[in-house]
Structure formats: C-alpha cells, structure tokens
PDB file of N, CA and C in Angstrom:
ATOM      1  N   MET A   1     127.828 118.906 146.281  1.00  0.00           N
ATOM      2  CA  MET A   1     127.398 118.218 145.091  1.00  0.00           C
ATOM      3  C   MET A   1     128.533 117.475 144.405  1.00  0.00           C
ATOM      4  N   GLU A   2     129.716 118.018 144.466  1.00  0.00           N
ATOM      5  CA  GLU A   2     130.838 117.372 143.791  1.00  0.00           C
ATOM      6  C   GLU A   2     131.156 116.043 144.455  1.00  0.00           C
ATOM      7  N   GLY A   3     131.309 114.978 143.644  1.00  0.00           N
ATOM      8  CA  GLY A   3     131.687 113.668 144.135  1.00  0.00           C
ATOM      9  C   GLY A   3     130.529 112.870 144.710  1.00  0.00           C
ATOM     10  N   GLY A   4     129.367 113.472 144.856  1.00  0.00           N
ATOM     11  CA  GLY A   4     128.221 112.753 145.407  1.00  0.00           C
ATOM     12  C   GLY A   4     127.327 112.209 144.294  1.00  0.00           C
ATOM     13  N   ARG A   5     126.168 111.697 144.704  1.00  0.00           N
ATOM     14  CA  ARG A   5     125.211 111.177 143.728  1.00  0.00           C
ATOM     15  C   ARG A   5     124.350 112.331 143.232  1.00  0.00           C
ATOM     16  N   HIS A   6     124.198 112.405 141.913  1.00  0.00           N
ATOM     17  CA  HIS A   6     123.405 113.475 141.311  1.00  0.00           C
ATOM     18  C   HIS A   6     122.138 112.895 140.699  1.00  0.00           C
ATOM     19  N   SER A   7     121.092 113.684 140.704  1.00  0.00           N
ATOM     20  CA  SER A   7     119.860 113.261 140.028  1.00  0.00           C
ATOM     21  C   SER A   7     120.053 113.433 138.520  1.00  0.00           C
ATOM     22  N   ILE A   8     119.122 112.894 137.770  1.00  0.00           N
ATOM     23  CA  ILE A   8     119.209 112.982 136.307  1.00  0.00           C
ATOM     24  C   ILE A   8     119.150 114.439 135.859  1.00  0.00           C
ATOM     25  N   ARG A   9     118.323 115.239 136.515  1.00  0.00           N
ATOM     26  CA  ARG A   9     118.220 116.658 136.154  1.00  0.00           C
ATOM     27  C   ARG A   9     119.523 117.400 136.432  1.00  0.00           C
ATOM     28  N   GLU A  10     120.139 117.082 137.549  1.00  0.00           N
ATOM     29  CA  GLU A  10     121.408 117.734 137.872  1.00  0.00           C
ATOM     30  C   GLU A  10     122.493 117.334 136.879  1.00  0.00           C
ATOM     31  N   ARG A  11     122.545 116.059 136.535  1.00  0.00           N
ATOM     32  CA  ARG A  11     123.529 115.592 135.539  1.00  0.00           C
ATOM     33  C   ARG A  11     123.291 116.277 134.197  1.00  0.00           C
ATOM     34  N   ALA A  12     122.019 116.397 133.807  1.00  0.00           N
ATOM     35  CA  ALA A  12     121.692 117.042 132.538  1.00  0.00           C
ATOM     36  C   ALA A  12     122.146 118.492 132.547  1.00  0.00           C
ATOM     37  N   ARG A  13     121.963 119.167 133.658  1.00  0.00           N
ATOM     38  CA  ARG A  13     122.382 120.565 133.773  1.00  0.00           C
ATOM     39  C   ARG A  13     123.909 120.674 133.709  1.00  0.00           C
ATOM     40  N   LEU A  14     124.608 119.739 134.346  1.00  0.00           N
ATOM     41  CA  LEU A  14     126.073 119.782 134.368  1.00  0.00           C
ATOM     42  C   LEU A  14     126.687 119.578 132.985  1.00  0.00           C
ATOM     43  N   ILE A  15     126.122 118.643 132.219  1.00  0.00           N
ATOM     44  CA  ILE A  15     126.701 118.361 130.891  1.00  0.00           C
ATOM     45  C   ILE A  15     125.932 119.033 129.754  1.00  0.00           C
ATOM     46  N   ASN A  16     124.945 119.857 130.117  1.00  0.00           N
ATOM     47  CA  ASN A  16     124.191 120.645 129.149  1.00  0.00           C
ATOM     48  C   ASN A  16     123.512 119.764 128.094  1.00  0.00           C
ATOM     49  N   MET A  17     122.732 118.786 128.559  1.00  0.00           N
ATOM     50  CA  MET A  17     121.962 117.884 127.691  1.00  0.00           C
ATOM     51  C   MET A  17     120.534 117.815 128.209  1.00  0.00           C
ATOM     52  N   PRO A  18     119.593 117.442 127.370  1.00  0.00           N
ATOM     53  CA  PRO A  18     118.219 117.274 127.843  1.00  0.00           C
ATOM     54  C   PRO A  18     118.134 116.115 128.848  1.00  0.00           C
ATOM     55  N   PRO A  19     117.254 116.221 129.832  1.00  0.00           N
ATOM     56  CA  PRO A  19     117.141 115.165 130.844  1.00  0.00           C
ATOM     57  C   PRO A  19     116.752 113.804 130.270  1.00  0.00           C
ATOM     58  N   ASN A  20     115.884 113.790 129.255  1.00  0.00           N
ATOM     59  CA  ASN A  20     115.487 112.491 128.689  1.00  0.00           C
ATOM     60  C   ASN A  20     116.664 111.808 127.987  1.00  0.00           C
ATOM     61  N   ALA A  21     117.581 112.570 127.408  1.00  0.00           N
ATOM     62  CA  ALA A  21     118.767 111.976 126.785  1.00  0.00           C
ATOM     63  C   ALA A  21     119.666 111.351 127.842  1.00  0.00           C
ATOM     64  N   VAL A  22     119.822 112.042 128.967  1.00  0.00           N
ATOM     65  CA  VAL A  22     120.640 111.507 130.065  1.00  0.00           C
ATOM     66  C   VAL A  22     119.990 110.234 130.613  1.00  0.00           C
ATOM     67  N   HIS A  23     118.674 110.248 130.732  1.00  0.00           N
ATOM     68  CA  HIS A  23     117.953 109.064 131.209  1.00  0.00           C
ATOM     69  C   HIS A  23     118.159 107.879 130.255  1.00  0.00           C
ATOM     70  N   ASN A  24     118.088 108.137 128.945  1.00  0.00           N
ATOM     71  CA  ASN A  24     118.299 107.063 127.962  1.00  0.00           C
ATOM     72  C   ASN A  24     119.708 106.488 128.059  1.00  0.00           C
ATOM     73  N   ILE A  25     120.678 107.347 128.259  1.00  0.00           N
ATOM     74  CA  ILE A  25     122.061 106.874 128.384  1.00  0.00           C
ATOM     75  C   ILE A  25     122.199 106.010 129.637  1.00  0.00           C
ATOM     76  N   LYS A  26     121.580 106.439 130.734  1.00  0.00           N
ATOM     77  CA  LYS A  26     121.659 105.673 131.970  1.00  0.00           C
ATOM     78  C   LYS A  26     120.939 104.334 131.840  1.00  0.00           C
ATOM     79  N   LYS A  27     119.778 104.346 131.209  1.00  0.00           N
ATOM     80  CA  LYS A  27     118.948 103.147 131.129  1.00  0.00           C
ATOM     81  C   LYS A  27     119.514 102.126 130.132  1.00  0.00           C
ATOM     82  N   ARG A  28     119.862 102.586 128.908  1.00  0.00           N
ATOM     83  CA  ARG A  28     120.280 101.670 127.843  1.00  0.00           C
ATOM     84  C   ARG A  28     121.774 101.682 127.567  1.00  0.00           C
ATOM     85  N   GLY A  29     122.468 102.636 128.101  1.00  0.00           N
ATOM     86  CA  GLY A  29     123.898 102.719 127.854  1.00  0.00           C
ATOM     87  C   GLY A  29     124.236 103.393 126.545  1.00  0.00           C
ATOM     88  N   THR A  30     123.219 103.896 125.843  1.00  0.00           N
ATOM     89  CA  THR A  30     123.444 104.560 124.568  1.00  0.00           C
ATOM     90  C   THR A  30     122.393 105.639 124.366  1.00  0.00           C
ATOM     91  N   LEU A  31     122.685 106.570 123.495  1.00  0.00           N
ATOM     92  CA  LEU A  31     121.756 107.650 123.196  1.00  0.00           C
ATOM     93  C   LEU A  31     120.793 107.256 122.079  1.00  0.00           C
ATOM     94  N   ASN A  32     121.094 106.168 121.376  1.00  0.00           N
ATOM     95  CA  ASN A  32     120.260 105.736 120.247  1.00  0.00           C
ATOM     96  C   ASN A  32     118.851 105.396 120.714  1.00  0.00           C
ATOM     97  N   SER A  33     117.918 105.486 119.782  1.00  0.00           N
ATOM     98  CA  SER A  33     116.516 105.213 120.112  1.00  0.00           C
ATOM     99  C   SER A  33     116.289 103.720 120.309  1.00  0.00           C
ATOM    100  N   LYS A  34     115.120 103.398 120.837  1.00  0.00           N
ATOM    101  CA  LYS A  34     114.765 102.005 121.115  1.00  0.00           C
ATOM    102  C   LYS A  34     114.702 101.196 119.829  1.00  0.00           C
ATOM    103  N   PRO A  35     114.883  99.879 119.921  1.00  0.00           N
ATOM    104  CA  PRO A  35     114.705  99.055 118.726  1.00  0.00           C
ATOM    105  C   PRO A  35     113.255  99.117 118.273  1.00  0.00           C
ATOM    106  N   LYS A  36     113.051  98.936 116.972  1.00  0.00           N
ATOM    107  CA  LYS A  36     111.716  99.036 116.383  1.00  0.00           C
ATOM    108  C   LYS A  36     110.814  97.934 116.909  1.00  0.00           C
ATOM    109  N   LEU A  37     109.571  98.295 117.122  1.00  0.00           N
ATOM    110  CA  LEU A  37     108.584  97.339 117.585  1.00  0.00           C
ATOM    111  C   LEU A  37     107.765  96.836 116.398  1.00  0.00           C
ATOM    112  N   GLY A  38     107.042  95.758 116.612  1.00  0.00           N
ATOM    113  CA  GLY A  38     106.171  95.225 115.561  1.00  0.00           C
ATOM    114  C   GLY A  38     106.772  94.012 114.892  1.00  0.00           C
ATOM    115  N   ARG A  39     105.932  93.377 114.121  1.00  0.00           N
ATOM    116  CA  ARG A  39     106.343  92.152 113.446  1.00  0.00           C
ATOM    117  C   ARG A  39     107.193  92.494 112.230  1.00  0.00           C
ATOM    118  N   PRO A  40     108.289  91.765 111.987  1.00  0.00           N
ATOM    119  CA  PRO A  40     109.086  92.025 110.789  1.00  0.00           C
ATOM    120  C   PRO A  40     108.326  91.631 109.524  1.00  0.00           C
ATOM    121  N   GLN A  41     108.633  92.292 108.423  1.00  0.00           N
ATOM    122  CA  GLN A  41     107.943  92.005 107.176  1.00  0.00           C
ATOM    123  C   GLN A  41     108.277  90.602 106.690  1.00  0.00           C
ATOM    124  N   THR A  42     107.260  89.947 106.101  1.00  0.00           N
ATOM    125  CA  THR A  42     107.444  88.597 105.588  1.00  0.00           C
ATOM    126  C   THR A  42     108.283  88.613 104.319  1.00  0.00           C
ATOM    127  N   LEU A  43     107.986  89.548 103.412  1.00  0.00           N
ATOM    128  CA  LEU A  43     108.713  89.641 102.153  1.00  0.00           C
ATOM    129  C   LEU A  43     109.784  90.725 102.247  1.00  0.00           C
ATOM    130  N   THR A  44     110.989  90.365 101.869  1.00  0.00           N
ATOM    131  CA  THR A  44     112.081  91.337 101.857  1.00  0.00           C
ATOM    132  C   THR A  44     112.024  92.126 100.553  1.00  0.00           C
ATOM    133  N   ASP A  45     112.865  93.161 100.456  1.00  0.00           N
ATOM    134  CA  ASP A  45     112.940  93.939  99.213  1.00  0.00           C
ATOM    135  C   ASP A  45     113.416  93.058  98.066  1.00  0.00           C
ATOM    136  N   ARG A  46     114.285  92.117  98.381  1.00  0.00           N
ATOM    137  CA  ARG A  46     114.788  91.210  97.347  1.00  0.00           C
ATOM    138  C   ARG A  46     113.659  90.329  96.806  1.00  0.00           C
ATOM    139  N   ASP A  47     112.793  89.829  97.704  1.00  0.00           N
ATOM    140  CA  ASP A  47     111.647  89.030  97.275  1.00  0.00           C
ATOM    141  C   ASP A  47     110.722  89.841  96.378  1.00  0.00           C
ATOM    142  N   LYS A  48     110.516  91.096  96.736  1.00  0.00           N
ATOM    143  CA  LYS A  48     109.640  91.956  95.932  1.00  0.00           C
ATOM    144  C   LYS A  48     110.229  92.202  94.545  1.00  0.00           C
ATOM    145  N   ARG A  49     111.548  92.364  94.469  1.00  0.00           N
ATOM    146  CA  ARG A  49     112.189  92.524  93.154  1.00  0.00           C
ATOM    147  C   ARG A  49     112.034  91.258  92.321  1.00  0.00           C
ATOM    148  N   ARG A  50     112.160  90.087  92.982  1.00  0.00           N
ATOM    149  CA  ARG A  50     111.977  88.823  92.254  1.00  0.00           C
ATOM    150  C   ARG A  50     110.560  88.708  91.710  1.00  0.00           C
ATOM    151  N   ILE A  51     109.577  89.102  92.496  1.00  0.00           N
ATOM    152  CA  ILE A  51     108.184  89.072  92.058  1.00  0.00           C
ATOM    153  C   ILE A  51     108.003  89.994  90.862  1.00  0.00           C
ATOM    154  N   ASP A  52     108.570  91.206  90.933  1.00  0.00           N
ATOM    155  CA  ASP A  52     108.444  92.174  89.847  1.00  0.00           C
ATOM    156  C   ASP A  52     109.052  91.641  88.556  1.00  0.00           C
ATOM    157  N   ILE A  53     110.234  91.055  88.650  1.00  0.00           N
ATOM    158  CA  ILE A  53     110.903  90.495  87.465  1.00  0.00           C
ATOM    159  C   ILE A  53     110.081  89.349  86.892  1.00  0.00           C
ATOM    160  N   TYR A  54     109.536  88.505  87.767  1.00  0.00           N
ATOM    161  CA  TYR A  54     108.745  87.359  87.306  1.00  0.00           C
ATOM    162  C   TYR A  54     107.476  87.820  86.600  1.00  0.00           C
ATOM    163  N   ILE A  55     106.814  88.827  87.132  1.00  0.00           N
ATOM    164  CA  ILE A  55     105.576  89.315  86.515  1.00  0.00           C
ATOM    165  C   ILE A  55     105.862  89.947  85.161  1.00  0.00           C
ATOM    166  N   LYS A  56     106.966  90.653  85.028  1.00  0.00           N
ATOM    167  CA  LYS A  56     107.304  91.312  83.764  1.00  0.00           C
ATOM    168  C   LYS A  56     107.805  90.346  82.696  1.00  0.00           C
ATOM    169  N   LYS A  57     108.049  89.091  83.076  1.00  0.00           N
ATOM    170  CA  LYS A  57     108.673  88.136  82.165  1.00  0.00           C
ATOM    171  C   LYS A  57     107.860  87.910  80.889  1.00  0.00           C
ATOM    172  N   SER A  58     106.559  87.645  81.003  1.00  0.00           N
ATOM    173  CA  SER A  58     105.742  87.378  79.821  1.00  0.00           C
ATOM    174  C   SER A  58     104.278  87.656  80.123  1.00  0.00           C
ATOM    175  N   LYS A  59     103.451  87.529  79.085  1.00  0.00           N
ATOM    176  CA  LYS A  59     102.015  87.771  79.230  1.00  0.00           C
ATOM    177  C   LYS A  59     101.382  86.725  80.147  1.00  0.00           C
ATOM    178  N   GLU A  60     101.857  85.491  80.059  1.00  0.00           N
ATOM    179  CA  GLU A  60     101.299  84.420  80.886  1.00  0.00           C
ATOM    180  C   GLU A  60     101.587  84.649  82.370  1.00  0.00           C
ATOM    181  N   THR A  61     102.792  85.119  82.676  1.00  0.00           N
ATOM    182  CA  THR A  61     103.133  85.340  84.084  1.00  0.00           C
ATOM    183  C   THR A  61     102.388  86.538  84.647  1.00  0.00           C
ATOM    184  N   ARG A  62     102.056  87.517  83.801  1.00  0.00           N
ATOM    185  CA  ARG A  62     101.279  88.669  84.273  1.00  0.00           C
ATOM    186  C   ARG A  62      99.871  88.263  84.670  1.00  0.00           C
ATOM    187  N   GLN A  63      99.343  87.226  84.028  1.00  0.00           N
ATOM    188  CA  GLN A  63      97.963  86.805  84.278  1.00  0.00           C
ATOM    189  C   GLN A  63      97.874  85.668  85.287  1.00  0.00           C
ATOM    190  N   GLU A  64      98.988  85.291  85.860  1.00  0.00           N
ATOM    191  CA  GLU A  64      99.016  84.155  86.776  1.00  0.00           C
ATOM    192  C   GLU A  64      98.385  84.496  88.123  1.00  0.00           C
ATOM    193  N   ALA A  65      97.788  83.491  88.737  1.00  0.00           N
ATOM    194  CA  ALA A  65      97.179  83.660  90.058  1.00  0.00           C
ATOM    195  C   ALA A  65      98.276  83.788  91.124  1.00  0.00           C
ATOM    196  N   PRO A  66      97.982  84.499  92.215  1.00  0.00           N
ATOM    197  CA  PRO A  66      98.993  84.676  93.275  1.00  0.00           C
ATOM    198  C   PRO A  66      99.497  83.352  93.856  1.00  0.00           C
ATOM    199  N   ASP A  67      98.623  82.351  93.950  1.00  0.00           N
ATOM    200  CA  ASP A  67      99.061  81.058  94.492  1.00  0.00           C
ATOM    201  C   ASP A  67     100.134  80.427  93.611  1.00  0.00           C
ATOM    202  N   ASN A  68      99.972  80.544  92.284  1.00  0.00           N
ATOM    203  CA  ASN A  68     100.958  79.979  91.365  1.00  0.00           C
ATOM    204  C   ASN A  68     102.288  80.737  91.449  1.00  0.00           C
ATOM    205  N   ILE A  69     102.213  82.052  91.594  1.00  0.00           N
ATOM    206  CA  ILE A  69     103.442  82.851  91.738  1.00  0.00           C
ATOM    207  C   ILE A  69     104.175  82.435  93.006  1.00  0.00           C
ATOM    208  N   ASN A  70     103.406  82.218  94.069  1.00  0.00           N
ATOM    209  CA  ASN A  70     103.985  81.808  95.353  1.00  0.00           C
ATOM    210  C   ASN A  70     104.716  80.474  95.221  1.00  0.00           C
ATOM    211  N   LYS A  71     104.099  79.515  94.536  1.00  0.00           N
ATOM    212  CA  LYS A  71     104.718  78.194  94.354  1.00  0.00           C
ATOM    213  C   LYS A  71     105.944  78.276  93.460  1.00  0.00           C
ATOM    214  N   THR A  72     105.830  79.018  92.352  1.00  0.00           N
ATOM    215  CA  THR A  72     106.921  79.089  91.383  1.00  0.00           C
ATOM    216  C   THR A  72     108.172  79.723  91.984  1.00  0.00           C
ATOM    217  N   LEU A  73     107.998  80.806  92.725  1.00  0.00           N
ATOM    218  CA  LEU A  73     109.151  81.502  93.291  1.00  0.00           C
ATOM    219  C   LEU A  73     109.599  80.916  94.620  1.00  0.00           C
ATOM    220  N   GLY A  74     108.803  80.006  95.194  1.00  0.00           N
ATOM    221  CA  GLY A  74     109.169  79.376  96.458  1.00  0.00           C
ATOM    222  C   GLY A  74     109.125  80.332  97.638  1.00  0.00           C
ATOM    223  N   LEU A  75     108.141  81.228  97.631  1.00  0.00           N
ATOM    224  CA  LEU A  75     108.008  82.190  98.724  1.00  0.00           C
ATOM    225  C   LEU A  75     107.241  81.560  99.879  1.00  0.00           C
ATOM    226  N   SER A  76     107.530  82.003 101.076  1.00  0.00           N
ATOM    227  CA  SER A  76     106.823  81.473 102.240  1.00  0.00           C
ATOM    228  C   SER A  76     105.936  82.574 102.824  1.00  0.00           C
ATOM    229  N   CYS A  77     104.933  82.963 102.059  1.00  0.00           N
ATOM    230  CA  CYS A  77     104.011  83.992 102.534  1.00  0.00           C
ATOM    231  C   CYS A  77     102.602  83.617 102.103  1.00  0.00           C
ATOM    232  N   GLY A  78     101.633  84.257 102.693  1.00  0.00           N
ATOM    233  CA  GLY A  78     100.245  83.990 102.380  1.00  0.00           C
ATOM    234  C   GLY A  78      99.805  84.677 101.104  1.00  0.00           C
ATOM    235  N   ARG A  79      98.607  84.312 100.660  1.00  0.00           N
ATOM    236  CA  ARG A  79      98.046  84.851  99.422  1.00  0.00           C
ATOM    237  C   ARG A  79      97.824  86.359  99.536  1.00  0.00           C
ATOM    238  N   THR A  80      97.262  86.801 100.657  1.00  0.00           N
ATOM    239  CA  THR A  80      96.966  88.216 100.854  1.00  0.00           C
ATOM    240  C   THR A  80      98.246  89.047 100.904  1.00  0.00           C
ATOM    241  N   THR A  81      99.273  88.515 101.542  1.00  0.00           N
ATOM    242  CA  THR A  81     100.556  89.217 101.614  1.00  0.00           C
ATOM    243  C   THR A  81     101.127  89.416 100.222  1.00  0.00           C
ATOM    244  N   LEU A  82     101.026  88.391  99.395  1.00  0.00           N
ATOM    245  CA  LEU A  82     101.539  88.476  98.031  1.00  0.00           C
ATOM    246  C   LEU A  82     100.729  89.477  97.206  1.00  0.00           C
ATOM    247  N   ILE A  83      99.407  89.463  97.368  1.00  0.00           N
ATOM    248  CA  ILE A  83      98.560  90.419  96.640  1.00  0.00           C
ATOM    249  C   ILE A  83      98.907  91.843  97.049  1.00  0.00           C
ATOM    250  N   ASN A  84      99.133  92.080  98.345  1.00  0.00           N
ATOM    251  CA  ASN A  84      99.512  93.414  98.818  1.00  0.00           C
ATOM    252  C   ASN A  84     100.868  93.839  98.259  1.00  0.00           C
ATOM    253  N   ALA A  85     101.802  92.911  98.195  1.00  0.00           N
ATOM    254  CA  ALA A  85     103.139  93.219  97.660  1.00  0.00           C
ATOM    255  C   ALA A  85     103.047  93.567  96.177  1.00  0.00           C
ATOM    256  N   ILE A  86     102.222  92.835  95.431  1.00  0.00           N
ATOM    257  CA  ILE A  86     102.038  93.117  94.003  1.00  0.00           C
ATOM    258  C   ILE A  86     101.403  94.504  93.842  1.00  0.00           C
ATOM    259  N   GLY A  87     100.473  94.853  94.732  1.00  0.00           N
ATOM    260  CA  GLY A  87      99.866  96.180  94.693  1.00  0.00           C
ATOM    261  C   GLY A  87     100.874  97.277  94.986  1.00  0.00           C
ATOM    262  N   GLU A  88     101.790  97.031  95.929  1.00  0.00           N
ATOM    263  CA  GLU A  88     102.843  98.002  96.240  1.00  0.00           C
ATOM    264  C   GLU A  88     103.769  98.220  95.047  1.00  0.00           C
ATOM    265  N   LEU A  89     103.927  97.190  94.223  1.00  0.00           N
ATOM    266  CA  LEU A  89     104.775  97.309  93.036  1.00  0.00           C
ATOM    267  C   LEU A  89     104.093  98.092  91.924  1.00  0.00           C
ATOM    268  N   GLY A  90     102.803  98.406  92.102  1.00  0.00           N
ATOM    269  CA  GLY A  90     102.101  99.238  91.122  1.00  0.00           C
ATOM    270  C   GLY A  90     101.203  98.477  90.171  1.00  0.00           C
ATOM    271  N   TYR A  91     100.971  97.210  90.422  1.00  0.00           N
ATOM    272  CA  TYR A  91     100.105  96.417  89.556  1.00  0.00           C
ATOM    273  C   TYR A  91      98.686  96.402  90.119  1.00  0.00           C
ATOM    274  N   ARG A  92      97.712  96.364  89.212  1.00  0.00           N
ATOM    275  CA  ARG A  92      96.320  96.289  89.619  1.00  0.00           C
ATOM    276  C   ARG A  92      95.739  94.984  89.111  1.00  0.00           C
ATOM    277  N   ARG A  93      94.727  94.516  89.825  1.00  0.00           N
ATOM    278  CA  ARG A  93      94.042  93.301  89.385  1.00  0.00           C
ATOM    279  C   ARG A  93      92.841  93.721  88.558  1.00  0.00           C
ATOM    280  N   CYS A  94      92.956  93.586  87.251  1.00  0.00           N
ATOM    281  CA  CYS A  94      91.845  93.954  86.378  1.00  0.00           C
ATOM    282  C   CYS A  94      91.850  93.031  85.161  1.00  0.00           C
ATOM    283  N   ILE A  95      90.700  92.952  84.499  1.00  0.00           N
ATOM    284  CA  ILE A  95      90.557  92.116  83.314  1.00  0.00           C
ATOM    285  C   ILE A  95      90.927  92.948  82.097  1.00  0.00           C
ATOM    286  N   ALA A  96      91.810  92.417  81.263  1.00  0.00           N
ATOM    287  CA  ALA A  96      92.246  93.134  80.071  1.00  0.00           C
ATOM    288  C   ALA A  96      91.116  93.172  79.048  1.00  0.00           C
ATOM    289  N   ARG A  97      90.931  94.312  78.421  1.00  0.00           N
ATOM    290  CA  ARG A  97      89.906  94.457  77.384  1.00  0.00           C
ATOM    291  C   ARG A  97      90.420  93.889  76.077  1.00  0.00           C
ATOM    292  N   ARG A  98      89.495  93.264  75.338  1.00  0.00           N
ATOM    293  CA  ARG A  98      89.891  92.724  74.042  1.00  0.00           C
ATOM    294  C   ARG A  98      89.901  93.837  73.019  1.00  0.00           C
ATOM    295  N   CYS A  99      90.904  93.847  72.180  1.00  0.00           N
ATOM    296  CA  CYS A  99      91.043  94.846  71.139  1.00  0.00           C
ATOM    297  C   CYS A  99      90.307  94.344  69.895  1.00  0.00           C
ATOM    298  N   PRO A 100      89.459  95.175  69.282  1.00  0.00           N
ATOM    299  CA  PRO A 100      88.743  94.701  68.095  1.00  0.00           C
ATOM    300  C   PRO A 100      89.697  94.446  66.930  1.00  0.00           C
ATOM    301  N   LEU A 101      89.450  93.373  66.200  1.00  0.00           N
ATOM    302  CA  LEU A 101      90.268  93.044  65.037  1.00  0.00           C
ATOM    303  C   LEU A 101      89.739  93.838  63.848  1.00  0.00           C
ATOM    304  N   LEU A 102      90.481  94.839  63.439  1.00  0.00           N
ATOM    305  CA  LEU A 102      90.049  95.726  62.359  1.00  0.00           C
ATOM    306  C   LEU A 102      91.016  95.640  61.184  1.00  0.00           C
ATOM    307  N   LYS A 103      90.437  95.758  59.997  1.00  0.00           N
ATOM    308  CA  LYS A 103      91.252  95.831  58.784  1.00  0.00           C
ATOM    309  C   LYS A 103      91.569  97.298  58.523  1.00  0.00           C
ATOM    310  N   LYS A 104      92.431  97.568  57.555  1.00  0.00           N
ATOM    311  CA  LYS A 104      92.802  98.946  57.244  1.00  0.00           C
ATOM    312  C   LYS A 104      91.586  99.749  56.807  1.00  0.00           C
ATOM    313  N   LEU A 105      90.682  99.118  56.062  1.00  0.00           N
ATOM    314  CA  LEU A 105      89.468  99.790  55.608  1.00  0.00           C
ATOM    315  C   LEU A 105      88.603 100.189  56.813  1.00  0.00           C
ATOM    316  N   ASP A 106      88.523  99.302  57.788  1.00  0.00           N
ATOM    317  CA  ASP A 106      87.744  99.596  58.992  1.00  0.00           C
ATOM    318  C   ASP A 106      88.349 100.777  59.763  1.00  0.00           C
ATOM    319  N   TYR A 107      89.695 100.830  59.849  1.00  0.00           N
ATOM    320  CA  TYR A 107      90.348 101.950  60.517  1.00  0.00           C
ATOM    321  C   TYR A 107      89.974 103.270  59.839  1.00  0.00           C
ATOM    322  N   LYS A 108      90.010 103.273  58.493  1.00  0.00           N
ATOM    323  CA  LYS A 108      89.683 104.489  57.744  1.00  0.00           C
ATOM    324  C   LYS A 108      88.232 104.892  57.978  1.00  0.00           C
ATOM    325  N   ARG A 109      87.325 103.917  57.978  1.00  0.00           N
ATOM    326  CA  ARG A 109      85.897 104.212  58.193  1.00  0.00           C
ATOM    327  C   ARG A 109      85.667 104.783  59.600  1.00  0.00           C
ATOM    328  N   ARG A 110      86.312 104.200  60.583  1.00  0.00           N
ATOM    329  CA  ARG A 110      86.135 104.673  61.959  1.00  0.00           C
ATOM    330  C   ARG A 110      86.715 106.073  62.135  1.00  0.00           C
ATOM    331  N   LEU A 111      87.857 106.322  61.495  1.00  0.00           N
ATOM    332  CA  LEU A 111      88.465 107.645  61.560  1.00  0.00           C
ATOM    333  C   LEU A 111      87.572 108.686  60.894  1.00  0.00           C
ATOM    334  N   ALA A 112      86.985 108.329  59.773  1.00  0.00           N
ATOM    335  CA  ALA A 112      86.072 109.243  59.076  1.00  0.00           C
ATOM    336  C   ALA A 112      84.828 109.489  59.926  1.00  0.00           C
ATOM    337  N   PHE A 113      84.342 108.478  60.610  1.00  0.00           N
ATOM    338  CA  PHE A 113      83.144 108.605  61.438  1.00  0.00           C
ATOM    339  C   PHE A 113      83.431 109.509  62.648  1.00  0.00           C
ATOM    340  N   ALA A 114      84.610 109.369  63.208  1.00  0.00           N
ATOM    341  CA  ALA A 114      84.949 110.159  64.387  1.00  0.00           C
ATOM    342  C   ALA A 114      85.182 111.599  64.000  1.00  0.00           C
TER     343      ALA A 114
END
C-alpha cells in the first residue's frame, strides 16, 4: 500500500478524516462547501436601508406608491420586489384611519360615557 495509489476510503482511514471530506478535497482542492446556488438578490442590504430611510422621511413618502419610490431612489427592481422588501422592513400596506376632530368638551363627554 505504501507509495501506491490509494482509494478515497483508504486515504480517509490513513489521515483519519471522513471519506466525503477527502473526496471534496480531491474534487475541488478545498474542504470548503460548494458555492451557493440560486439567483442573487436584486436589492442589497444597502438598498433596503435606503428604502427604510426614505419611507421614514415624512408622511408623504410613507404614503407613496412603490413605483414612485423606485423612480425616486433610482432602483433597478420590479414593483413586486420592492413591495416584498418593504414588507421585510416591517411595513404593511393599509389605509390610515381618520382621527375624529374633538374639542375638550367632547373628550370629557366621551370619557364620562365610557
């Protein structure tokens, strides 16, 4: 066995490593795992932070449509991608309720009624 060709199992036994690790070293030249598969994300973390800052800027920007946010920030992503990113940031798409305009007397009456 010494000086000859060894199988992967024999090499693993000699250096006390799992056979799949020895196979990975032989195949890729490294023990590290394979590169990640799948499509890379369109929006980076930096883009998401920019979106968050822009939305928090004022009441008008909070109510803006996703298409307008996309144009203003110069992002190169679709409408659905932007909506998903806004959802990941913790924002929901909902209509704000109007607060009734009450005078101090009305507040007292409502408190007494409750």
